[in-house]
C-alpha cells in the first residue's frame, strides 16, 4: 500500500514498527504487545494519529515541518510530499516513508 494512503491501524502499526515496537491489531486498534503480555491494567492502545505524547517526540526528533492549506496538512520532505487531514497523520506518513519507503506491506488482519 502507498505510504501516503495509510490510515488508522495500518499507519499506527507502521509507525510502531519504525519505532521498534511489537504491536498486535485487535478490532482495528493497535496494542503494545509488551503491555498486553504483562497483563498491565490500563490502556494498551497505541495511536500516533491522535496522541501528541507519542507523535510529538517523533516530529521533533525527525525535524518534520508541516504546512496547513485549505483544510489539509502537508509535509515536503527530501524523500517526497506527504499529506493528511491532520498534522499528525501527514507527519506520521512522512516518518514511515523515510524509514520504510513509499510502499508498505500491510498484513491482511490490519486491513480487515
PDB file of N, CA and C in Angstrom:
ATOM      1  N   UNK A   1       0.844  -1.168   0.000  1.00  0.00           N
ATOM      2  CA  UNK A   1       0.000   0.000   0.000  1.00  0.00           C
ATOM      3  C   UNK A   1       0.895   1.239   0.000  1.00  0.00           C
ATOM      4  N   UNK A   2       0.473   2.272  -0.680  1.00  0.00           N
ATOM      5  CA  UNK A   2       1.244   3.510  -0.716  1.00  0.00           C
ATOM      6  C   UNK A   2       1.240   4.151   0.673  1.00  0.00           C
ATOM      7  N   UNK A   3       2.410   4.590   1.091  1.00  0.00           N
ATOM      8  CA  UNK A   3       2.553   5.195   2.414  1.00  0.00           C
ATOM      9  C   UNK A   3       1.622   6.396   2.569  1.00  0.00           C
ATOM     10  N   UNK A   4       1.443   7.163   1.508  1.00  0.00           N
ATOM     11  CA  UNK A   4       0.600   8.359   1.571  1.00  0.00           C
ATOM     12  C   UNK A   4      -0.885   8.024   1.673  1.00  0.00           C
ATOM     13  N   UNK A   5      -1.236   6.732   1.612  1.00  0.00           N
ATOM     14  CA  UNK A   5      -2.630   6.309   1.729  1.00  0.00           C
ATOM     15  C   UNK A   5      -2.900   5.546   3.022  1.00  0.00           C
ATOM     16  N   UNK A   6      -1.863   5.323   3.834  1.00  0.00           N
ATOM     17  CA  UNK A   6      -2.048   4.593   5.101  1.00  0.00           C
ATOM     18  C   UNK A   6      -2.963   5.369   6.037  1.00  0.00           C
ATOM     19  N   UNK A   7      -3.851   4.655   6.700  1.00  0.00           N
ATOM     20  CA  UNK A   7      -4.746   5.270   7.681  1.00  0.00           C
ATOM     21  C   UNK A   7      -4.886   4.348   8.892  1.00  0.00           C
ATOM     22  N   UNK A   8      -5.503   4.842   9.903  1.00  0.00           N
ATOM     23  CA  UNK A   8      -5.856   4.130  11.126  1.00  0.00           C
ATOM     24  C   UNK A   8      -4.840   3.070  11.558  1.00  0.00           C
ATOM     25  N   UNK A   9      -5.284   1.844  11.721  1.00  0.00           N
ATOM     26  CA  UNK A   9      -4.429   0.789  12.278  1.00  0.00           C
ATOM     27  C   UNK A   9      -3.200   0.531  11.414  1.00  0.00           C
ATOM     28  N   UNK A  10      -3.340   0.620  10.099  1.00  0.00           N
ATOM     29  CA  UNK A  10      -2.202   0.368   9.216  1.00  0.00           C
ATOM     30  C   UNK A  10      -1.107   1.408   9.435  1.00  0.00           C
ATOM     31  N   UNK A  11      -1.478   2.675   9.581  1.00  0.00           N
ATOM     32  CA  UNK A  11      -0.488   3.725   9.807  1.00  0.00           C
ATOM     33  C   UNK A  11       0.088   3.629  11.213  1.00  0.00           C
ATOM     34  N   UNK A  12      -0.746   3.391  12.204  1.00  0.00           N
ATOM     35  CA  UNK A  12      -0.253   3.217  13.574  1.00  0.00           C
ATOM     36  C   UNK A  12       0.725   2.054  13.658  1.00  0.00           C
ATOM     37  N   UNK A  13       0.404   0.942  13.010  1.00  0.00           N
ATOM     38  CA  UNK A  13       1.276  -0.230  13.020  1.00  0.00           C
ATOM     39  C   UNK A  13       2.608   0.085  12.350  1.00  0.00           C
ATOM     40  N   UNK A  14       2.562   0.795  11.226  1.00  0.00           N
ATOM     41  CA  UNK A  14       3.789   1.135  10.505  1.00  0.00           C
ATOM     42  C   UNK A  14       4.688   2.045  11.346  1.00  0.00           C
ATOM     43  N   UNK A  15       4.092   3.028  12.026  1.00  0.00           N
ATOM     44  CA  UNK A  15       4.886   3.918  12.881  1.00  0.00           C
ATOM     45  C   UNK A  15       5.496   3.122  14.031  1.00  0.00           C
ATOM     46  N   UNK A  16       4.703   2.257  14.645  1.00  0.00           N
ATOM     47  CA  UNK A  16       5.203   1.439  15.751  1.00  0.00           C
ATOM     48  C   UNK A  16       6.369   0.564  15.278  1.00  0.00           C
ATOM     49  N   UNK A  17       6.261   0.026  14.074  1.00  0.00           N
ATOM     50  CA  UNK A  17       7.347  -0.784  13.509  1.00  0.00           C
ATOM     51  C   UNK A  17       8.606   0.065  13.364  1.00  0.00           C
ATOM     52  N   UNK A  18       8.460   1.280  12.873  1.00  0.00           N
ATOM     53  CA  UNK A  18       9.612   2.185  12.733  1.00  0.00           C
ATOM     54  C   UNK A  18      10.230   2.514  14.088  1.00  0.00           C
ATOM     55  N   UNK A  19       9.419   2.522  15.124  1.00  0.00           N
ATOM     56  CA  UNK A  19       9.887   2.825  16.470  1.00  0.00           C
ATOM     57  C   UNK A  19      10.411   1.592  17.198  1.00  0.00           C
ATOM     58  N   UNK A  20      10.342   0.430  16.536  1.00  0.00           N
ATOM     59  CA  UNK A  20      10.862  -0.796  17.118  1.00  0.00           C
ATOM     60  C   UNK A  20       9.927  -1.484  18.103  1.00  0.00           C
ATOM     61  N   UNK A  21       8.645  -1.109  18.086  1.00  0.00           N
ATOM     62  CA  UNK A  21       7.666  -1.740  18.973  1.00  0.00           C
ATOM     63  C   UNK A  21       7.008  -2.933  18.293  1.00  0.00           C
ATOM     64  N   UNK A  22       6.613  -3.896  19.091  1.00  0.00           N
ATOM     65  CA  UNK A  22       5.806  -5.006  18.595  1.00  0.00           C
ATOM     66  C   UNK A  22       4.360  -4.668  18.927  1.00  0.00           C
ATOM     67  N   UNK A  23       3.507  -4.777  17.928  1.00  0.00           N
ATOM     68  CA  UNK A  23       2.098  -4.458  18.148  1.00  0.00           C
ATOM     69  C   UNK A  23       1.221  -5.608  17.692  1.00  0.00           C
ATOM     70  N   UNK A  24       0.026  -5.613  18.234  1.00  0.00           N
ATOM     71  CA  UNK A  24      -0.990  -6.571  17.829  1.00  0.00           C
ATOM     72  C   UNK A  24      -2.232  -5.759  17.487  1.00  0.00           C
ATOM     73  N   UNK A  25      -2.821  -6.046  16.340  1.00  0.00           N
ATOM     74  CA  UNK A  25      -4.026  -5.333  15.928  1.00  0.00           C
ATOM     75  C   UNK A  25      -5.232  -6.178  16.291  1.00  0.00           C
ATOM     76  N   UNK A  26      -6.110  -5.602  17.097  1.00  0.00           N
ATOM     77  CA  UNK A  26      -7.347  -6.279  17.500  1.00  0.00           C
ATOM     78  C   UNK A  26      -8.502  -5.326  17.250  1.00  0.00           C
ATOM     79  N   UNK A  27      -9.463  -5.769  16.486  1.00  0.00           N
ATOM     80  CA  UNK A  27     -10.639  -4.959  16.146  1.00  0.00           C
ATOM     81  C   UNK A  27     -10.235  -3.598  15.582  1.00  0.00           C
ATOM     82  N   UNK A  28      -9.198  -3.591  14.740  1.00  0.00           N
ATOM     83  CA  UNK A  28      -8.775  -2.367  14.089  1.00  0.00           C
ATOM     84  C   UNK A  28      -8.009  -1.395  14.965  1.00  0.00           C
ATOM     85  N   UNK A  29      -7.572  -1.857  16.152  1.00  0.00           N
ATOM     86  CA  UNK A  29      -6.830  -0.996  17.067  1.00  0.00           C
ATOM     87  C   UNK A  29      -5.482  -1.641  17.371  1.00  0.00           C
ATOM     88  N   UNK A  30      -4.413  -0.826  17.327  1.00  0.00           N
ATOM     89  CA  UNK A  30      -3.069  -1.321  17.651  1.00  0.00           C
ATOM     90  C   UNK A  30      -2.871  -1.337  19.156  1.00  0.00           C
ATOM     91  N   UNK A  31      -2.293  -2.424  19.638  1.00  0.00           N
ATOM     92  CA  UNK A  31      -1.983  -2.557  21.063  1.00  0.00           C
ATOM     93  C   UNK A  31      -0.506  -2.915  21.216  1.00  0.00           C
ATOM     94  N   UNK A  32       0.112  -2.396  22.248  1.00  0.00           N
ATOM     95  CA  UNK A  32       1.504  -2.699  22.569  1.00  0.00           C
ATOM     96  C   UNK A  32       1.574  -4.122  23.098  1.00  0.00           C
ATOM     97  N   UNK A  33       2.279  -5.004  22.391  1.00  0.00           N
ATOM     98  CA  UNK A  33       2.355  -6.418  22.757  1.00  0.00           C
ATOM     99  C   UNK A  33       2.977  -6.601  24.137  1.00  0.00           C
ATOM    100  N   UNK A  34       4.020  -5.840  24.446  1.00  0.00           N
ATOM    101  CA  UNK A  34       4.669  -5.987  25.747  1.00  0.00           C
ATOM    102  C   UNK A  34       3.711  -5.678  26.884  1.00  0.00           C
ATOM    103  N   UNK A  35       2.907  -4.625  26.735  1.00  0.00           N
ATOM    104  CA  UNK A  35       1.932  -4.301  27.782  1.00  0.00           C
ATOM    105  C   UNK A  35       0.857  -5.377  27.889  1.00  0.00           C
ATOM    106  N   UNK A  36       0.418  -5.896  26.731  1.00  0.00           N
ATOM    107  CA  UNK A  36      -0.575  -6.975  26.755  1.00  0.00           C
ATOM    108  C   UNK A  36      -0.012  -8.211  27.444  1.00  0.00           C
ATOM    109  N   UNK A  37       1.235  -8.560  27.116  1.00  0.00           N
ATOM    110  CA  UNK A  37       1.872  -9.742  27.700  1.00  0.00           C
ATOM    111  C   UNK A  37       2.066  -9.611  29.201  1.00  0.00           C
ATOM    112  N   UNK A  38       2.302  -8.386  29.683  1.00  0.00           N
ATOM    113  CA  UNK A  38       2.493  -8.175  31.115  1.00  0.00           C
ATOM    114  C   UNK A  38       1.166  -8.091  31.852  1.00  0.00           C
ATOM    115  N   UNK A  39       0.067  -8.094  31.100  1.00  0.00           N
ATOM    116  CA  UNK A  39      -1.271  -8.003  31.678  1.00  0.00           C
ATOM    117  C   UNK A  39      -1.402  -6.767  32.581  1.00  0.00           C
ATOM    118  N   UNK A  40      -0.889  -5.664  32.070  1.00  0.00           N
ATOM    119  CA  UNK A  40      -0.938  -4.399  32.800  1.00  0.00           C
ATOM    120  C   UNK A  40      -2.359  -3.863  32.791  1.00  0.00           C
ATOM    121  N   UNK A  41      -2.799  -3.398  33.935  1.00  0.00           N
ATOM    122  CA  UNK A  41      -4.095  -2.729  33.978  1.00  0.00           C
ATOM    123  C   UNK A  41      -3.969  -1.414  33.236  1.00  0.00           C
ATOM    124  N   UNK A  42      -4.992  -1.044  32.527  1.00  0.00           N
ATOM    125  CA  UNK A  42      -4.963   0.229  31.824  1.00  0.00           C
ATOM    126  C   UNK A  42      -4.942   0.038  30.318  1.00  0.00           C
ATOM    127  N   UNK A  43      -4.641   1.130  29.656  1.00  0.00           N
ATOM    128  CA  UNK A  43      -4.754   1.195  28.210  1.00  0.00           C
ATOM    129  C   UNK A  43      -3.489   0.697  27.522  1.00  0.00           C
ATOM    130  N   UNK A  44      -3.637  -0.241  26.611  1.00  0.00           N
ATOM    131  CA  UNK A  44      -2.505  -0.744  25.836  1.00  0.00           C
ATOM    132  C   UNK A  44      -2.566  -0.244  24.391  1.00  0.00           C
ATOM    133  N   UNK A  45      -3.559   0.617  24.083  1.00  0.00           N
ATOM    134  CA  UNK A  45      -3.712   1.124  22.721  1.00  0.00           C
ATOM    135  C   UNK A  45      -2.576   2.067  22.352  1.00  0.00           C
ATOM    136  N   UNK A  46      -2.197   2.030  21.080  1.00  0.00           N
ATOM    137  CA  UNK A  46      -1.190   2.923  20.545  1.00  0.00           C
ATOM    138  C   UNK A  46      -1.843   3.717  19.422  1.00  0.00           C
ATOM    139  N   UNK A  47      -1.821   5.047  19.539  1.00  0.00           N
ATOM    140  CA  UNK A  47      -2.366   5.876  18.468  1.00  0.00           C
ATOM    141  C   UNK A  47      -1.484   7.088  18.221  1.00  0.00           C
ATOM    142  N   UNK A  48      -0.574   6.921  17.284  1.00  0.00           N
ATOM    143  CA  UNK A  48       0.281   8.034  16.881  1.00  0.00           C
ATOM    144  C   UNK A  48      -0.520   9.082  16.119  1.00  0.00           C
ATOM    145  N   UNK A  49      -1.720   8.728  15.684  1.00  0.00           N
ATOM    146  CA  UNK A  49      -2.535   9.623  14.872  1.00  0.00           C
ATOM    147  C   UNK A  49      -3.341  10.604  15.705  1.00  0.00           C
ATOM    148  N   UNK A  50      -3.454  10.337  17.009  1.00  0.00           N
ATOM    149  CA  UNK A  50      -4.236  11.225  17.869  1.00  0.00           C
ATOM    150  C   UNK A  50      -3.507  11.619  19.147  1.00  0.00           C
ATOM    151  N   UNK A  51      -2.420  10.946  19.477  1.00  0.00           N
ATOM    152  CA  UNK A  51      -1.741  11.177  20.752  1.00  0.00           C
ATOM    153  C   UNK A  51      -0.440  11.953  20.542  1.00  0.00           C
ATOM    154  N   UNK A  52      -0.472  13.231  20.915  1.00  0.00           N
ATOM    155  CA  UNK A  52       0.705  14.084  20.766  1.00  0.00           C
ATOM    156  C   UNK A  52       1.860  13.597  21.636  1.00  0.00           C
ATOM    157  N   UNK A  53       1.572  12.944  22.738  1.00  0.00           N
ATOM    158  CA  UNK A  53       2.644  12.442  23.603  1.00  0.00           C
ATOM    159  C   UNK A  53       3.466  11.369  22.890  1.00  0.00           C
ATOM    160  N   UNK A  54       2.874  10.646  21.968  1.00  0.00           N
ATOM    161  CA  UNK A  54       3.578   9.637  21.183  1.00  0.00           C
ATOM    162  C   UNK A  54       4.184  10.229  19.912  1.00  0.00           C
ATOM    163  N   UNK A  55       3.398  11.006  19.178  1.00  0.00           N
ATOM    164  CA  UNK A  55       3.841  11.517  17.875  1.00  0.00           C
ATOM    165  C   UNK A  55       4.725  12.756  17.992  1.00  0.00           C
ATOM    166  N   UNK A  56       4.479  13.591  18.980  1.00  0.00           N
ATOM    167  CA  UNK A  56       5.237  14.832  19.129  1.00  0.00           C
ATOM    168  C   UNK A  56       6.745  14.624  19.188  1.00  0.00           C
ATOM    169  N   UNK A  57       7.232  13.700  20.021  1.00  0.00           N
ATOM    170  CA  UNK A  57       8.679  13.466  20.071  1.00  0.00           C
ATOM    171  C   UNK A  57       9.270  12.993  18.740  1.00  0.00           C
ATOM    172  N   UNK A  58       8.497  12.237  17.965  1.00  0.00           N
ATOM    173  CA  UNK A  58       8.967  11.788  16.650  1.00  0.00           C
ATOM    174  C   UNK A  58       9.089  12.983  15.716  1.00  0.00           C
ATOM    175  N   UNK A  59       8.067  13.825  15.708  1.00  0.00           N
ATOM    176  CA  UNK A  59       8.074  15.017  14.857  1.00  0.00           C
ATOM    177  C   UNK A  59       9.266  15.906  15.204  1.00  0.00           C
ATOM    178  N   UNK A  60       9.506  16.087  16.489  1.00  0.00           N
ATOM    179  CA  UNK A  60      10.623  16.922  16.925  1.00  0.00           C
ATOM    180  C   UNK A  60      11.970  16.269  16.590  1.00  0.00           C
ATOM    181  N   UNK A  61      12.115  14.996  16.908  1.00  0.00           N
ATOM    182  CA  UNK A  61      13.370  14.280  16.668  1.00  0.00           C
ATOM    183  C   UNK A  61      13.723  14.240  15.181  1.00  0.00           C
ATOM    184  N   UNK A  62      12.704  13.989  14.344  1.00  0.00           N
ATOM    185  CA  UNK A  62      12.919  13.869  12.900  1.00  0.00           C
ATOM    186  C   UNK A  62      12.875  15.215  12.182  1.00  0.00           C
ATOM    187  N   UNK A  63      12.577  16.292  12.937  1.00  0.00           N
ATOM    188  CA  UNK A  63      12.507  17.646  12.385  1.00  0.00           C
ATOM    189  C   UNK A  63      11.528  17.734  11.216  1.00  0.00           C
ATOM    190  N   UNK A  64      10.332  17.182  11.431  1.00  0.00           N
ATOM    191  CA  UNK A  64       9.294  17.189  10.413  1.00  0.00           C
ATOM    192  C   UNK A  64       8.544  18.514  10.494  1.00  0.00           C
ATOM    193  N   UNK A  65       8.502  19.221   9.388  1.00  0.00           N
ATOM    194  CA  UNK A  65       7.806  20.502   9.324  1.00  0.00           C
ATOM    195  C   UNK A  65       6.561  20.360   8.472  1.00  0.00           C
ATOM    196  N   UNK A  66       5.428  20.757   9.033  1.00  0.00           N
ATOM    197  CA  UNK A  66       4.145  20.617   8.349  1.00  0.00           C
ATOM    198  C   UNK A  66       3.597  21.975   7.936  1.00  0.00           C
ATOM    199  N   UNK A  67       2.866  21.971   6.838  1.00  0.00           N
ATOM    200  CA  UNK A  67       2.193  23.166   6.333  1.00  0.00           C
ATOM    201  C   UNK A  67       0.700  22.891   6.297  1.00  0.00           C
ATOM    202  N   UNK A  68      -0.096  23.913   6.552  1.00  0.00           N
ATOM    203  CA  UNK A  68      -1.552  23.761   6.506  1.00  0.00           C
ATOM    204  C   UNK A  68      -2.095  24.652   5.402  1.00  0.00           C
ATOM    205  N   UNK A  69      -2.930  24.068   4.538  1.00  0.00           N
ATOM    206  CA  UNK A  69      -3.503  24.842   3.442  1.00  0.00           C
ATOM    207  C   UNK A  69      -4.836  24.229   3.038  1.00  0.00           C
ATOM    208  N   UNK A  70      -5.872  25.000   3.157  1.00  0.00           N
ATOM    209  CA  UNK A  70      -7.182  24.567   2.675  1.00  0.00           C
ATOM    210  C   UNK A  70      -7.741  23.342   3.369  1.00  0.00           C
ATOM    211  N   UNK A  71      -7.523  23.210   4.665  1.00  0.00           N
ATOM    212  CA  UNK A  71      -8.081  22.093   5.414  1.00  0.00           C
ATOM    213  C   UNK A  71      -7.244  20.829   5.364  1.00  0.00           C
ATOM    214  N   UNK A  72      -6.119  20.864   4.664  1.00  0.00           N
ATOM    215  CA  UNK A  72      -5.247  19.696   4.542  1.00  0.00           C
ATOM    216  C   UNK A  72      -3.863  20.051   5.087  1.00  0.00           C
ATOM    217  N   UNK A  73      -3.176  19.055   5.632  1.00  0.00           N
ATOM    218  CA  UNK A  73      -1.808  19.232   6.119  1.00  0.00           C
ATOM    219  C   UNK A  73      -0.849  18.590   5.146  1.00  0.00           C
ATOM    220  N   UNK A  74       0.310  19.213   4.968  1.00  0.00           N
ATOM    221  CA  UNK A  74       1.318  18.748   4.015  1.00  0.00           C
ATOM    222  C   UNK A  74       2.700  18.745   4.656  1.00  0.00           C
ATOM    223  N   UNK A  75       3.524  17.798   4.211  1.00  0.00           N
ATOM    224  CA  UNK A  75       4.931  17.755   4.595  1.00  0.00           C
ATOM    225  C   UNK A  75       5.729  17.610   3.301  1.00  0.00           C
ATOM    226  N   UNK A  76       6.621  18.561   3.076  1.00  0.00           N
ATOM    227  CA  UNK A  76       7.510  18.498   1.921  1.00  0.00           C
ATOM    228  C   UNK A  76       8.864  18.036   2.438  1.00  0.00           C
ATOM    229  N   UNK A  77       9.184  16.780   2.187  1.00  0.00           N
ATOM    230  CA  UNK A  77      10.423  16.184   2.692  1.00  0.00           C
ATOM    231  C   UNK A  77      11.342  15.843   1.525  1.00  0.00           C
ATOM    232  N   UNK A  78      12.636  15.670   1.799  1.00  0.00           N
ATOM    233  CA  UNK A  78      13.568  15.314   0.719  1.00  0.00           C
ATOM    234  C   UNK A  78      13.174  14.032  -0.019  1.00  0.00           C
ATOM    235  N   UNK A  79      12.487  13.128   0.669  1.00  0.00           N
ATOM    236  CA  UNK A  79      12.103  11.858   0.062  1.00  0.00           C
ATOM    237  C   UNK A  79      10.683  11.852  -0.500  1.00  0.00           C
ATOM    238  N   UNK A  80       9.988  13.007  -0.491  1.00  0.00           N
ATOM    239  CA  UNK A  80       8.650  13.069  -1.077  1.00  0.00           C
ATOM    240  C   UNK A  80       7.739  14.080  -0.431  1.00  0.00           C
ATOM    241  N   UNK A  81       6.519  14.111  -0.920  1.00  0.00           N
ATOM    242  CA  UNK A  81       5.487  15.036  -0.474  1.00  0.00           C
ATOM    243  C   UNK A  81       4.391  14.203   0.168  1.00  0.00           C
ATOM    244  N   UNK A  82       4.031  14.519   1.417  1.00  0.00           N
ATOM    245  CA  UNK A  82       3.054  13.720   2.157  1.00  0.00           C
ATOM    246  C   UNK A  82       1.948  14.619   2.656  1.00  0.00           C
ATOM    247  N   UNK A  83       0.751  14.062   2.763  1.00  0.00           N
ATOM    248  CA  UNK A  83      -0.381  14.862   3.191  1.00  0.00           C
ATOM    249  C   UNK A  83      -1.313  14.053   4.075  1.00  0.00           C
ATOM    250  N   UNK A  84      -2.211  14.768   4.735  1.00  0.00           N
ATOM    251  CA  UNK A  84      -3.210  14.125   5.569  1.00  0.00           C
ATOM    252  C   UNK A  84      -4.209  15.140   6.080  1.00  0.00           C
ATOM    253  N   UNK A  85      -5.349  14.659   6.578  1.00  0.00           N
ATOM    254  CA  UNK A  85      -6.378  15.563   7.098  1.00  0.00           C
ATOM    255  C   UNK A  85      -5.988  16.213   8.422  1.00  0.00           C
ATOM    256  N   UNK A  86      -4.990  15.630   9.108  1.00  0.00           N
ATOM    257  CA  UNK A  86      -4.491  16.221  10.350  1.00  0.00           C
ATOM    258  C   UNK A  86      -2.969  16.311  10.276  1.00  0.00           C
ATOM    259  N   UNK A  87      -2.400  17.150  11.102  1.00  0.00           N
ATOM    260  CA  UNK A  87      -0.953  17.296  11.146  1.00  0.00           C
ATOM    261  C   UNK A  87      -0.289  15.975  11.508  1.00  0.00           C
ATOM    262  N   UNK A  88      -0.844  15.266  12.492  1.00  0.00           N
ATOM    263  CA  UNK A  88      -0.228  14.013  12.927  1.00  0.00           C
ATOM    264  C   UNK A  88      -0.237  12.955  11.832  1.00  0.00           C
ATOM    265  N   UNK A  89      -1.312  12.861  11.084  1.00  0.00           N
ATOM    266  CA  UNK A  89      -1.378  11.874  10.001  1.00  0.00           C
ATOM    267  C   UNK A  89      -0.359  12.207   8.918  1.00  0.00           C
ATOM    268  N   UNK A  90      -0.282  13.467   8.498  1.00  0.00           N
ATOM    269  CA  UNK A  90       0.691  13.859   7.474  1.00  0.00           C
ATOM    270  C   UNK A  90       2.116  13.604   7.957  1.00  0.00           C
ATOM    271  N   UNK A  91       2.400  13.978   9.195  1.00  0.00           N
ATOM    272  CA  UNK A  91       3.748  13.805   9.741  1.00  0.00           C
ATOM    273  C   UNK A  91       4.110  12.331   9.889  1.00  0.00           C
ATOM    274  N   UNK A  92       3.181  11.513  10.338  1.00  0.00           N
ATOM    275  CA  UNK A  92       3.477  10.093  10.522  1.00  0.00           C
ATOM    276  C   UNK A  92       3.636   9.387   9.177  1.00  0.00           C
ATOM    277  N   UNK A  93       2.894   9.801   8.166  1.00  0.00           N
ATOM    278  CA  UNK A  93       3.103   9.236   6.829  1.00  0.00           C
ATOM    279  C   UNK A  93       4.509   9.560   6.332  1.00  0.00           C
ATOM    280  N   UNK A  94       4.943  10.783   6.555  1.00  0.00           N
ATOM    281  CA  UNK A  94       6.288  11.191   6.169  1.00  0.00           C
ATOM    282  C   UNK A  94       7.336  10.363   6.912  1.00  0.00           C
ATOM    283  N   UNK A  95       7.143  10.188   8.207  1.00  0.00           N
ATOM    284  CA  UNK A  95       8.084   9.423   9.011  1.00  0.00           C
ATOM    285  C   UNK A  95       8.193   7.984   8.525  1.00  0.00           C
ATOM    286  N   UNK A  96       7.051   7.351   8.291  1.00  0.00           N
ATOM    287  CA  UNK A  96       7.050   5.955   7.808  1.00  0.00           C
ATOM    288  C   UNK A  96       7.765   5.868   6.463  1.00  0.00           C
ATOM    289  N   UNK A  97       7.486   6.799   5.568  1.00  0.00           N
ATOM    290  CA  UNK A  97       8.132   6.776   4.253  1.00  0.00           C
ATOM    291  C   UNK A  97       9.642   6.935   4.371  1.00  0.00           C
ATOM    292  N   UNK A  98      10.088   7.738   5.322  1.00  0.00           N
ATOM    293  CA  UNK A  98      11.532   7.947   5.488  1.00  0.00           C
ATOM    294  C   UNK A  98      12.226   6.683   5.978  1.00  0.00           C
ATOM    295  N   UNK A  99      11.498   5.824   6.686  1.00  0.00           N
ATOM    296  CA  UNK A  99      12.081   4.600   7.235  1.00  0.00           C
ATOM    297  C   UNK A  99      11.795   3.358   6.395  1.00  0.00           C
ATOM    298  N   UNK A 100      10.583   3.285   5.827  1.00  0.00           N
ATOM    299  CA  UNK A 100      10.157   2.061   5.143  1.00  0.00           C
ATOM    300  C   UNK A 100       9.942   2.223   3.644  1.00  0.00           C
ATOM    301  N   UNK A 101       9.936   3.467   3.155  1.00  0.00           N
ATOM    302  CA  UNK A 101       9.735   3.707   1.729  1.00  0.00           C
ATOM    303  C   UNK A 101       8.305   4.097   1.393  1.00  0.00           C
ATOM    304  N   UNK A 102       8.065   4.323   0.104  1.00  0.00           N
ATOM    305  CA  UNK A 102       6.758   4.796  -0.360  1.00  0.00           C
ATOM    306  C   UNK A 102       5.715   3.696  -0.508  1.00  0.00           C
ATOM    307  N   UNK A 103       6.130   2.453  -0.384  1.00  0.00           N
ATOM    308  CA  UNK A 103       5.213   1.314  -0.422  1.00  0.00           C
ATOM    309  C   UNK A 103       5.435   0.493   0.845  1.00  0.00           C
ATOM    310  N   UNK A 104       4.363   0.180   1.551  1.00  0.00           N
ATOM    311  CA  UNK A 104       4.451  -0.559   2.807  1.00  0.00           C
ATOM    312  C   UNK A 104       3.555  -1.791   2.718  1.00  0.00           C
ATOM    313  N   UNK A 105       4.093  -2.919   3.143  1.00  0.00           N
ATOM    314  CA  UNK A 105       3.295  -4.146   3.194  1.00  0.00           C
ATOM    315  C   UNK A 105       2.386  -4.093   4.408  1.00  0.00           C
ATOM    316  N   UNK A 106       1.102  -4.283   4.181  1.00  0.00           N
ATOM    317  CA  UNK A 106       0.120  -4.232   5.258  1.00  0.00           C
ATOM    318  C   UNK A 106      -0.501  -5.615   5.403  1.00  0.00           C
ATOM    319  N   UNK A 107      -0.308  -6.255   6.568  1.00  0.00           N
ATOM    320  CA  UNK A 107      -0.886  -7.584   6.782  1.00  0.00           C
ATOM    321  C   UNK A 107      -2.416  -7.576   6.646  1.00  0.00           C
ATOM    322  N   UNK A 108      -2.954  -8.682   6.232  1.00  0.00           N
ATOM    323  CA  UNK A 108      -4.396  -8.807   5.998  1.00  0.00           C
ATOM    324  C   UNK A 108      -5.214  -8.459   7.237  1.00  0.00           C
ATOM    325  N   UNK A 109      -4.757  -8.876   8.426  1.00  0.00           N
ATOM    326  CA  UNK A 109      -5.548  -8.617   9.637  1.00  0.00           C
ATOM    327  C   UNK A 109      -5.639  -7.134   9.964  1.00  0.00           C
ATOM    328  N   UNK A 110      -4.696  -6.330   9.470  1.00  0.00           N
ATOM    329  CA  UNK A 110      -4.731  -4.885   9.711  1.00  0.00           C
ATOM    330  C   UNK A 110      -5.768  -4.228   8.800  1.00  0.00           C
ATOM    331  N   UNK A 111      -5.913  -4.742   7.595  1.00  0.00           N
ATOM    332  CA  UNK A 111      -6.878  -4.187   6.644  1.00  0.00           C
ATOM    333  C   UNK A 111      -8.307  -4.632   6.928  1.00  0.00           C
ATOM    334  N   UNK A 112      -8.468  -5.645   7.750  1.00  0.00           N
ATOM    335  CA  UNK A 112      -9.810  -6.210   7.974  1.00  0.00           C
ATOM    336  C   UNK A 112     -10.717  -5.228   8.691  1.00  0.00           C
TER     337      UNK A 112
END
